[in-house]
N, C-alpha and C. Protein backbone atom coordinates (compact mmCIF):
# COMPACT_ATOMS: atom_id res chain seq x y z
N MET A 1 -43.99 46.84 56.57
CA MET A 1 -44.87 47.03 55.44
C MET A 1 -46.31 47.07 55.95
N THR A 2 -47.06 48.07 55.55
CA THR A 2 -48.44 48.25 56.01
C THR A 2 -49.39 47.35 55.25
N THR A 3 -50.19 46.58 55.97
CA THR A 3 -51.20 45.76 55.32
C THR A 3 -52.58 46.01 55.90
N ASP A 4 -52.65 46.64 57.06
CA ASP A 4 -53.93 46.80 57.74
C ASP A 4 -54.39 48.26 57.83
N PHE A 5 -53.96 49.08 56.91
CA PHE A 5 -54.30 50.50 56.92
C PHE A 5 -55.75 50.71 56.47
N THR A 6 -56.47 51.59 57.17
CA THR A 6 -57.84 51.94 56.80
C THR A 6 -57.96 53.46 56.78
N LEU A 7 -58.49 53.99 55.70
CA LEU A 7 -58.74 55.43 55.59
C LEU A 7 -59.97 55.81 56.40
N PRO A 8 -60.03 57.05 56.89
CA PRO A 8 -61.27 57.52 57.51
C PRO A 8 -62.40 57.49 56.49
N ALA A 9 -63.60 57.19 56.94
CA ALA A 9 -64.75 57.10 56.04
C ALA A 9 -65.00 58.41 55.31
N ASN A 10 -64.67 59.55 55.95
CA ASN A 10 -64.94 60.85 55.34
C ASN A 10 -63.79 61.37 54.49
N ALA A 11 -62.80 60.54 54.20
CA ALA A 11 -61.69 60.96 53.34
C ALA A 11 -62.23 61.24 51.93
N HIS A 12 -61.57 62.14 51.22
CA HIS A 12 -61.94 62.50 49.85
C HIS A 12 -61.97 61.24 48.98
N TRP A 13 -62.83 61.23 47.98
CA TRP A 13 -62.96 60.06 47.10
C TRP A 13 -61.62 59.69 46.45
N ALA A 14 -60.77 60.70 46.16
CA ALA A 14 -59.48 60.41 45.52
C ALA A 14 -58.58 59.59 46.45
N MET A 15 -58.69 59.79 47.76
CA MET A 15 -57.91 59.00 48.71
C MET A 15 -58.39 57.54 48.68
N HIS A 16 -59.70 57.35 48.72
CA HIS A 16 -60.26 56.00 48.71
C HIS A 16 -59.94 55.28 47.40
N ASP A 17 -60.15 55.98 46.28
CA ASP A 17 -59.88 55.35 44.98
C ASP A 17 -58.39 55.07 44.79
N GLY A 18 -57.54 55.99 45.24
CA GLY A 18 -56.09 55.79 45.12
C GLY A 18 -55.61 54.61 45.95
N HIS A 19 -56.12 54.51 47.17
CA HIS A 19 -55.74 53.40 48.04
C HIS A 19 -56.22 52.07 47.46
N ALA A 20 -57.45 52.04 46.96
CA ALA A 20 -57.99 50.82 46.36
C ALA A 20 -57.18 50.42 45.13
N TYR A 21 -56.80 51.39 44.31
CA TYR A 21 -55.99 51.10 43.13
C TYR A 21 -54.64 50.50 43.53
N TRP A 22 -54.00 51.11 44.52
CA TRP A 22 -52.70 50.62 45.01
C TRP A 22 -52.83 49.18 45.52
N GLN A 23 -53.90 48.89 46.27
CA GLN A 23 -54.12 47.54 46.78
C GLN A 23 -54.26 46.54 45.63
N ARG A 24 -55.02 46.92 44.59
CA ARG A 24 -55.20 46.03 43.44
C ARG A 24 -53.90 45.83 42.66
N ALA A 25 -53.01 46.82 42.70
CA ALA A 25 -51.77 46.76 41.94
C ALA A 25 -50.72 45.85 42.58
N ARG A 26 -50.92 45.47 43.83
CA ARG A 26 -49.94 44.61 44.51
C ARG A 26 -49.81 43.29 43.75
N PRO A 27 -48.58 42.88 43.43
CA PRO A 27 -48.40 41.65 42.65
C PRO A 27 -48.74 40.39 43.44
N ASP A 28 -48.54 40.42 44.74
CA ASP A 28 -48.86 39.32 45.64
C ASP A 28 -49.22 39.92 47.00
N PRO A 29 -49.99 39.20 47.83
CA PRO A 29 -50.41 39.76 49.12
C PRO A 29 -49.28 40.27 50.01
N GLY A 30 -48.13 39.62 50.01
CA GLY A 30 -47.04 40.04 50.89
C GLY A 30 -46.08 41.04 50.28
N LEU A 31 -46.36 41.50 49.06
CA LEU A 31 -45.43 42.38 48.36
C LEU A 31 -46.06 43.74 48.06
N LEU A 32 -45.20 44.75 47.97
CA LEU A 32 -45.64 46.08 47.55
C LEU A 32 -45.63 46.15 46.03
N PRO A 33 -46.53 46.94 45.45
CA PRO A 33 -46.43 47.15 44.01
C PRO A 33 -45.22 48.00 43.68
N GLY A 34 -44.72 47.86 42.48
CA GLY A 34 -43.64 48.70 41.99
C GLY A 34 -44.19 49.68 40.97
N ARG A 35 -43.34 50.57 40.49
CA ARG A 35 -43.76 51.54 39.48
C ARG A 35 -44.32 50.83 38.26
N ARG A 36 -43.75 49.69 37.90
CA ARG A 36 -44.21 48.96 36.72
C ARG A 36 -45.64 48.45 36.86
N HIS A 37 -46.16 48.38 38.09
CA HIS A 37 -47.52 47.92 38.32
C HIS A 37 -48.54 49.06 38.27
N ILE A 38 -48.06 50.28 38.18
CA ILE A 38 -48.95 51.46 38.17
C ILE A 38 -49.11 51.93 36.74
N ASP A 39 -50.34 51.90 36.26
CA ASP A 39 -50.65 52.31 34.88
C ASP A 39 -51.58 53.51 34.92
N PRO A 40 -51.08 54.69 34.55
CA PRO A 40 -51.93 55.88 34.56
C PRO A 40 -53.23 55.72 33.76
N MET A 41 -53.21 54.89 32.73
CA MET A 41 -54.41 54.68 31.92
C MET A 41 -55.52 53.99 32.72
N GLU A 42 -55.15 53.34 33.83
CA GLU A 42 -56.14 52.66 34.67
C GLU A 42 -56.74 53.57 35.73
N MET A 43 -56.22 54.79 35.83
CA MET A 43 -56.73 55.70 36.86
C MET A 43 -56.84 57.15 36.35
N PRO A 44 -57.48 57.36 35.20
CA PRO A 44 -57.51 58.71 34.61
C PRO A 44 -58.15 59.75 35.52
N ARG A 45 -59.17 59.38 36.26
CA ARG A 45 -59.84 60.33 37.15
C ARG A 45 -58.95 60.79 38.30
N LEU A 46 -57.96 59.97 38.66
CA LEU A 46 -57.06 60.28 39.76
C LEU A 46 -55.86 61.12 39.35
N LEU A 47 -55.55 61.16 38.07
CA LEU A 47 -54.30 61.79 37.62
C LEU A 47 -54.11 63.24 38.08
N PRO A 48 -55.12 64.10 38.10
CA PRO A 48 -54.87 65.47 38.58
C PRO A 48 -54.38 65.53 40.03
N TYR A 49 -54.72 64.52 40.82
CA TYR A 49 -54.38 64.49 42.25
C TYR A 49 -53.12 63.67 42.54
N ALA A 50 -52.60 62.99 41.53
CA ALA A 50 -51.52 62.02 41.72
C ALA A 50 -50.14 62.67 41.62
N TRP A 51 -49.18 62.04 42.30
CA TRP A 51 -47.77 62.41 42.18
C TRP A 51 -46.92 61.20 42.50
N LEU A 52 -45.73 61.19 41.93
CA LEU A 52 -44.73 60.17 42.19
C LEU A 52 -43.46 60.84 42.67
N LEU A 53 -42.92 60.32 43.75
CA LEU A 53 -41.64 60.80 44.27
C LEU A 53 -40.62 59.67 44.17
N GLU A 54 -39.48 59.95 43.58
CA GLU A 54 -38.37 59.00 43.60
C GLU A 54 -37.74 59.07 45.00
N VAL A 55 -37.32 57.93 45.52
CA VAL A 55 -36.63 57.87 46.81
C VAL A 55 -35.15 57.62 46.52
N HIS A 56 -34.30 58.54 47.00
CA HIS A 56 -32.85 58.44 46.80
C HIS A 56 -32.16 58.30 48.15
N PRO A 57 -30.99 57.68 48.19
CA PRO A 57 -30.27 57.51 49.46
C PRO A 57 -29.89 58.85 50.08
N PRO A 58 -29.68 58.86 51.40
CA PRO A 58 -29.20 60.08 52.05
C PRO A 58 -27.88 60.53 51.43
N ALA A 59 -27.63 61.84 51.48
CA ALA A 59 -26.39 62.40 50.94
C ALA A 59 -26.13 63.76 51.57
N ASP A 60 -24.94 64.26 51.36
CA ASP A 60 -24.56 65.61 51.81
C ASP A 60 -24.77 65.81 53.31
N GLY A 61 -24.48 64.78 54.10
CA GLY A 61 -24.57 64.91 55.55
C GLY A 61 -25.98 64.86 56.11
N ILE A 62 -26.98 64.61 55.28
CA ILE A 62 -28.36 64.50 55.74
C ILE A 62 -28.67 63.03 55.94
N ALA A 63 -29.26 62.68 57.09
CA ALA A 63 -29.45 61.27 57.46
C ALA A 63 -30.73 60.64 56.90
N ILE A 64 -31.57 61.42 56.26
CA ILE A 64 -32.83 60.87 55.74
C ILE A 64 -32.75 60.72 54.22
N PRO A 65 -33.63 59.89 53.64
CA PRO A 65 -33.64 59.79 52.19
C PRO A 65 -33.95 61.14 51.54
N ARG A 66 -33.53 61.25 50.28
CA ARG A 66 -33.86 62.44 49.49
C ARG A 66 -34.99 62.06 48.54
N PHE A 67 -35.82 63.04 48.19
CA PHE A 67 -37.00 62.78 47.38
C PHE A 67 -37.06 63.76 46.21
N ARG A 68 -37.36 63.21 45.02
CA ARG A 68 -37.50 64.07 43.84
C ARG A 68 -38.80 63.72 43.12
N PHE A 69 -39.56 64.76 42.77
CA PHE A 69 -40.81 64.55 42.06
C PHE A 69 -40.56 64.06 40.65
N ARG A 70 -41.13 62.93 40.31
CA ARG A 70 -41.04 62.40 38.95
C ARG A 70 -42.26 62.83 38.14
N LEU A 71 -43.42 62.87 38.76
CA LEU A 71 -44.66 63.24 38.09
C LEU A 71 -45.52 63.99 39.09
N VAL A 72 -46.19 65.04 38.64
CA VAL A 72 -47.08 65.81 39.51
C VAL A 72 -48.32 66.17 38.71
N GLY A 73 -49.49 65.80 39.23
CA GLY A 73 -50.76 66.09 38.57
C GLY A 73 -51.11 67.57 38.61
N SER A 74 -52.01 67.98 37.75
CA SER A 74 -52.35 69.40 37.60
C SER A 74 -52.97 70.00 38.86
N HIS A 75 -53.80 69.26 39.58
CA HIS A 75 -54.38 69.79 40.82
C HIS A 75 -53.30 70.01 41.87
N VAL A 76 -52.34 69.10 41.92
CA VAL A 76 -51.24 69.21 42.89
C VAL A 76 -50.36 70.40 42.54
N ASP A 77 -50.05 70.59 41.26
CA ASP A 77 -49.28 71.78 40.86
C ASP A 77 -50.02 73.06 41.22
N THR A 78 -51.34 73.07 41.05
CA THR A 78 -52.13 74.25 41.44
C THR A 78 -51.99 74.50 42.94
N GLY A 79 -52.10 73.45 43.73
CA GLY A 79 -51.99 73.60 45.18
C GLY A 79 -50.61 74.09 45.61
N PHE A 80 -49.58 73.62 44.92
CA PHE A 80 -48.22 74.06 45.22
C PHE A 80 -47.94 75.45 44.68
N GLY A 81 -48.73 75.90 43.73
CA GLY A 81 -48.52 77.23 43.16
C GLY A 81 -47.65 77.24 41.93
N GLY A 82 -47.34 76.07 41.38
CA GLY A 82 -46.54 75.99 40.16
C GLY A 82 -46.03 74.59 39.93
N PRO A 83 -45.48 74.31 38.75
CA PRO A 83 -45.00 72.97 38.42
C PRO A 83 -43.87 72.50 39.34
N LYS A 84 -43.92 71.22 39.70
CA LYS A 84 -42.91 70.65 40.61
C LYS A 84 -42.21 69.43 40.04
N THR A 85 -42.63 68.94 38.88
CA THR A 85 -41.98 67.77 38.29
C THR A 85 -40.48 68.03 38.12
N GLY A 86 -39.68 67.06 38.58
CA GLY A 86 -38.22 67.17 38.49
C GLY A 86 -37.56 67.88 39.66
N ARG A 87 -38.34 68.47 40.54
CA ARG A 87 -37.79 69.23 41.67
C ARG A 87 -37.50 68.31 42.86
N TRP A 88 -36.43 68.62 43.60
CA TRP A 88 -36.10 67.92 44.84
C TRP A 88 -36.92 68.55 45.96
N LEU A 89 -37.46 67.71 46.82
CA LEU A 89 -38.30 68.19 47.92
C LEU A 89 -37.53 69.14 48.84
N HIS A 90 -36.27 68.82 49.15
CA HIS A 90 -35.50 69.67 50.06
C HIS A 90 -35.10 70.99 49.41
N GLU A 91 -35.14 71.09 48.09
CA GLU A 91 -34.84 72.36 47.43
C GLU A 91 -36.07 73.25 47.34
N MET A 92 -37.23 72.65 47.17
CA MET A 92 -38.45 73.47 47.11
C MET A 92 -38.94 73.85 48.50
N GLU A 93 -38.51 73.11 49.51
CA GLU A 93 -38.86 73.42 50.90
C GLU A 93 -37.59 73.30 51.73
N PRO A 94 -36.82 74.40 51.86
CA PRO A 94 -35.51 74.35 52.53
C PRO A 94 -35.54 73.82 53.97
N ASP A 95 -36.65 73.92 54.67
CA ASP A 95 -36.74 73.43 56.05
C ASP A 95 -36.99 71.92 56.13
N PHE A 96 -37.22 71.28 55.00
CA PHE A 96 -37.60 69.86 55.01
C PHE A 96 -36.61 68.99 55.78
N ASN A 97 -35.32 69.12 55.51
CA ASN A 97 -34.33 68.23 56.13
C ASN A 97 -34.18 68.44 57.63
N SER A 98 -34.61 69.58 58.15
CA SER A 98 -34.45 69.85 59.58
C SER A 98 -35.77 69.88 60.35
N ASN A 99 -36.89 69.70 59.69
CA ASN A 99 -38.19 69.79 60.33
C ASN A 99 -38.81 68.39 60.44
N ALA A 100 -38.79 67.83 61.63
CA ALA A 100 -39.27 66.46 61.85
C ALA A 100 -40.74 66.29 61.47
N ALA A 101 -41.57 67.28 61.75
CA ALA A 101 -43.00 67.18 61.42
C ALA A 101 -43.20 67.13 59.90
N MET A 102 -42.41 67.90 59.16
CA MET A 102 -42.52 67.93 57.70
C MET A 102 -42.10 66.60 57.08
N GLN A 103 -41.05 66.01 57.60
CA GLN A 103 -40.46 64.83 56.96
C GLN A 103 -41.00 63.50 57.46
N ALA A 104 -41.69 63.49 58.61
CA ALA A 104 -42.07 62.23 59.26
C ALA A 104 -42.82 61.27 58.35
N GLY A 105 -43.89 61.72 57.71
CA GLY A 105 -44.67 60.84 56.86
C GLY A 105 -43.88 60.31 55.69
N PHE A 106 -43.12 61.19 55.03
CA PHE A 106 -42.32 60.79 53.87
C PHE A 106 -41.29 59.73 54.26
N VAL A 107 -40.60 59.96 55.36
CA VAL A 107 -39.55 59.04 55.80
C VAL A 107 -40.15 57.70 56.23
N ALA A 108 -41.28 57.72 56.93
CA ALA A 108 -41.92 56.46 57.36
C ALA A 108 -42.36 55.62 56.16
N VAL A 109 -42.91 56.26 55.15
CA VAL A 109 -43.33 55.53 53.96
C VAL A 109 -42.10 54.96 53.25
N ALA A 110 -41.06 55.79 53.11
CA ALA A 110 -39.86 55.38 52.37
C ALA A 110 -39.04 54.33 53.08
N THR A 111 -38.92 54.40 54.40
CA THR A 111 -38.03 53.49 55.11
C THR A 111 -38.73 52.29 55.74
N GLU A 112 -40.02 52.41 56.03
CA GLU A 112 -40.73 51.33 56.70
C GLU A 112 -41.87 50.75 55.88
N GLY A 113 -42.15 51.34 54.72
CA GLY A 113 -43.23 50.85 53.88
C GLY A 113 -44.61 51.13 54.41
N HIS A 114 -44.72 52.10 55.32
CA HIS A 114 -46.02 52.46 55.88
C HIS A 114 -46.84 53.26 54.88
N VAL A 115 -48.15 53.21 55.04
CA VAL A 115 -49.06 54.10 54.32
C VAL A 115 -49.29 55.30 55.23
N SER A 116 -49.36 56.48 54.66
CA SER A 116 -49.53 57.70 55.46
C SER A 116 -50.68 58.52 54.89
N HIS A 117 -51.59 58.91 55.77
CA HIS A 117 -52.71 59.79 55.40
C HIS A 117 -52.74 60.95 56.37
N ARG A 118 -52.99 62.14 55.84
CA ARG A 118 -53.06 63.33 56.69
C ARG A 118 -54.01 64.33 56.07
N ARG A 119 -54.79 65.00 56.91
CA ARG A 119 -55.57 66.16 56.49
C ARG A 119 -55.31 67.25 57.50
N GLY A 120 -54.97 68.43 56.99
CA GLY A 120 -54.68 69.55 57.87
C GLY A 120 -54.06 70.70 57.11
N LYS A 121 -53.52 71.64 57.85
CA LYS A 121 -52.88 72.80 57.24
C LYS A 121 -51.62 72.38 56.49
N PRO A 122 -51.36 73.00 55.35
CA PRO A 122 -50.14 72.68 54.62
C PRO A 122 -48.90 73.01 55.46
N ARG A 123 -47.88 72.17 55.34
CA ARG A 123 -46.61 72.39 56.04
C ARG A 123 -45.54 72.93 55.10
N PHE A 124 -45.84 72.96 53.81
CA PHE A 124 -44.91 73.43 52.80
C PHE A 124 -45.40 74.77 52.26
N ALA A 125 -44.52 75.48 51.57
CA ALA A 125 -44.91 76.72 50.89
C ALA A 125 -45.88 76.33 49.78
N MET A 126 -47.05 76.94 49.79
CA MET A 126 -48.11 76.56 48.86
C MET A 126 -48.68 77.80 48.17
N ASN A 127 -49.59 77.52 47.25
CA ASN A 127 -50.45 78.53 46.68
C ASN A 127 -51.14 79.22 47.87
N ALA A 128 -51.20 80.53 47.87
CA ALA A 128 -51.78 81.27 48.99
C ALA A 128 -53.24 80.91 49.23
N GLU A 129 -53.91 80.38 48.23
CA GLU A 129 -55.32 80.00 48.38
C GLU A 129 -55.50 78.64 49.04
N ALA A 130 -54.44 77.86 49.17
CA ALA A 130 -54.52 76.52 49.75
C ALA A 130 -54.50 76.63 51.28
N ALA A 131 -55.67 76.52 51.89
CA ALA A 131 -55.78 76.64 53.34
C ALA A 131 -55.66 75.29 54.04
N GLU A 132 -55.93 74.23 53.32
CA GLU A 132 -55.91 72.89 53.90
C GLU A 132 -55.60 71.89 52.79
N LEU A 133 -55.05 70.75 53.19
CA LEU A 133 -54.82 69.68 52.22
C LEU A 133 -55.14 68.34 52.84
N GLU A 134 -55.36 67.38 51.97
CA GLU A 134 -55.49 65.99 52.38
C GLU A 134 -54.59 65.20 51.45
N ARG A 135 -53.74 64.33 52.02
CA ARG A 135 -52.84 63.57 51.17
C ARG A 135 -52.69 62.15 51.68
N LEU A 136 -52.48 61.28 50.70
CA LEU A 136 -52.24 59.87 50.95
C LEU A 136 -50.92 59.52 50.29
N MET A 137 -50.01 58.89 51.04
CA MET A 137 -48.73 58.44 50.48
C MET A 137 -48.64 56.93 50.61
N LEU A 138 -48.26 56.30 49.50
CA LEU A 138 -48.22 54.85 49.40
C LEU A 138 -46.85 54.40 48.91
N PRO A 139 -46.29 53.35 49.51
CA PRO A 139 -44.96 52.89 49.08
C PRO A 139 -45.01 52.07 47.79
N LEU A 140 -44.01 52.27 46.95
CA LEU A 140 -43.80 51.44 45.76
C LEU A 140 -42.41 50.84 45.87
N ALA A 141 -42.27 49.59 45.45
CA ALA A 141 -40.99 48.91 45.54
C ALA A 141 -40.79 48.03 44.31
N GLY A 142 -39.77 48.33 43.53
CA GLY A 142 -39.50 47.57 42.32
C GLY A 142 -39.32 46.09 42.58
N ASN A 143 -38.73 45.74 43.73
CA ASN A 143 -38.52 44.33 44.07
C ASN A 143 -39.59 43.79 45.03
N GLY A 144 -40.62 44.62 45.31
CA GLY A 144 -41.71 44.19 46.18
C GLY A 144 -41.48 44.45 47.65
N ARG A 145 -40.24 44.82 48.04
CA ARG A 145 -39.92 44.99 49.47
C ARG A 145 -39.23 46.31 49.81
N ASP A 146 -38.26 46.73 49.01
CA ASP A 146 -37.46 47.91 49.31
C ASP A 146 -38.04 49.12 48.58
N VAL A 147 -38.58 50.05 49.33
CA VAL A 147 -39.28 51.20 48.75
C VAL A 147 -38.31 52.06 47.94
N ASP A 148 -38.68 52.31 46.69
CA ASP A 148 -37.86 53.17 45.83
C ASP A 148 -38.66 54.33 45.23
N MET A 149 -39.96 54.34 45.45
CA MET A 149 -40.81 55.45 45.02
C MET A 149 -41.99 55.58 45.97
N LEU A 150 -42.57 56.77 46.00
CA LEU A 150 -43.81 57.00 46.73
C LEU A 150 -44.87 57.41 45.72
N LEU A 151 -46.03 56.80 45.82
CA LEU A 151 -47.19 57.20 45.03
C LEU A 151 -48.09 57.99 45.97
N GLY A 152 -48.43 59.19 45.57
CA GLY A 152 -49.25 60.03 46.43
C GLY A 152 -50.45 60.60 45.71
N PHE A 153 -51.41 60.99 46.51
CA PHE A 153 -52.60 61.68 46.04
C PHE A 153 -52.86 62.82 47.00
N THR A 154 -53.03 64.03 46.48
CA THR A 154 -53.25 65.20 47.33
C THR A 154 -54.41 66.01 46.79
N VAL A 155 -55.27 66.44 47.71
CA VAL A 155 -56.38 67.34 47.40
C VAL A 155 -56.15 68.60 48.22
N PHE A 156 -56.23 69.75 47.56
CA PHE A 156 -56.09 71.04 48.24
C PHE A 156 -57.46 71.69 48.37
N TYR A 157 -57.67 72.33 49.53
CA TYR A 157 -58.93 73.00 49.82
C TYR A 157 -58.66 74.48 50.08
N GLY A 158 -59.57 75.33 49.64
CA GLY A 158 -59.47 76.76 49.91
C GLY A 158 -60.02 77.08 51.29
N GLY A 159 -59.97 78.34 51.66
CA GLY A 159 -60.47 78.79 52.96
C GLY A 159 -61.95 78.54 53.15
N ASP A 160 -62.69 78.40 52.07
CA ASP A 160 -64.12 78.12 52.16
C ASP A 160 -64.42 76.63 52.35
N GLY A 161 -63.36 75.79 52.38
CA GLY A 161 -63.53 74.36 52.57
C GLY A 161 -63.77 73.58 51.28
N ASN A 162 -63.89 74.29 50.16
CA ASN A 162 -64.10 73.63 48.88
C ASN A 162 -62.76 73.31 48.21
N GLU A 163 -62.78 72.28 47.39
CA GLU A 163 -61.60 71.89 46.64
C GLU A 163 -61.14 73.04 45.74
N LEU A 164 -59.82 73.29 45.74
CA LEU A 164 -59.29 74.32 44.84
C LEU A 164 -59.52 73.90 43.39
N ARG A 165 -59.84 74.87 42.56
CA ARG A 165 -59.99 74.60 41.13
C ARG A 165 -58.62 74.54 40.50
N THR A 166 -58.41 73.58 39.64
CA THR A 166 -57.14 73.44 38.93
C THR A 166 -57.01 74.55 37.90
N THR A 167 -55.90 75.30 37.96
CA THR A 167 -55.72 76.43 37.06
C THR A 167 -54.50 76.28 36.18
N LEU A 168 -53.64 75.32 36.41
CA LEU A 168 -52.43 75.17 35.62
C LEU A 168 -52.64 74.23 34.47
């Protein structure tokens, strides 16, 4: 379980605010927050950038957890090029289960409770205007220890380096 994670100083404000919110939501210092500790009404400014992924056990001969989007903010849907709520990650990105670079952050957060931050070129099929993204993934655990959801925040940038405008 990650307790000493620090974001880069130049990370987008949504990464800093999302991480701070997650830290405040922890029920006790040694425990992870669960979905019940996350209240969208407490983070309205973050909602366009926010997403929740359900973590499901491995199945169908795949050794890693499966992930399904429970909630996806409007900016994230714009970056992906369309709505993703209810979609399985491995169905929207067929290479996910076989591409170690694509799955590494998701699996580490889900299985080890690590926090993951990345800025760089998108690894998934995206809106053609999305040249770069920055994302933060945070573990959620209903019992405080076993990760059952991921809380994420993603900002998409166009080729000009500016944040993509939300269009959906």
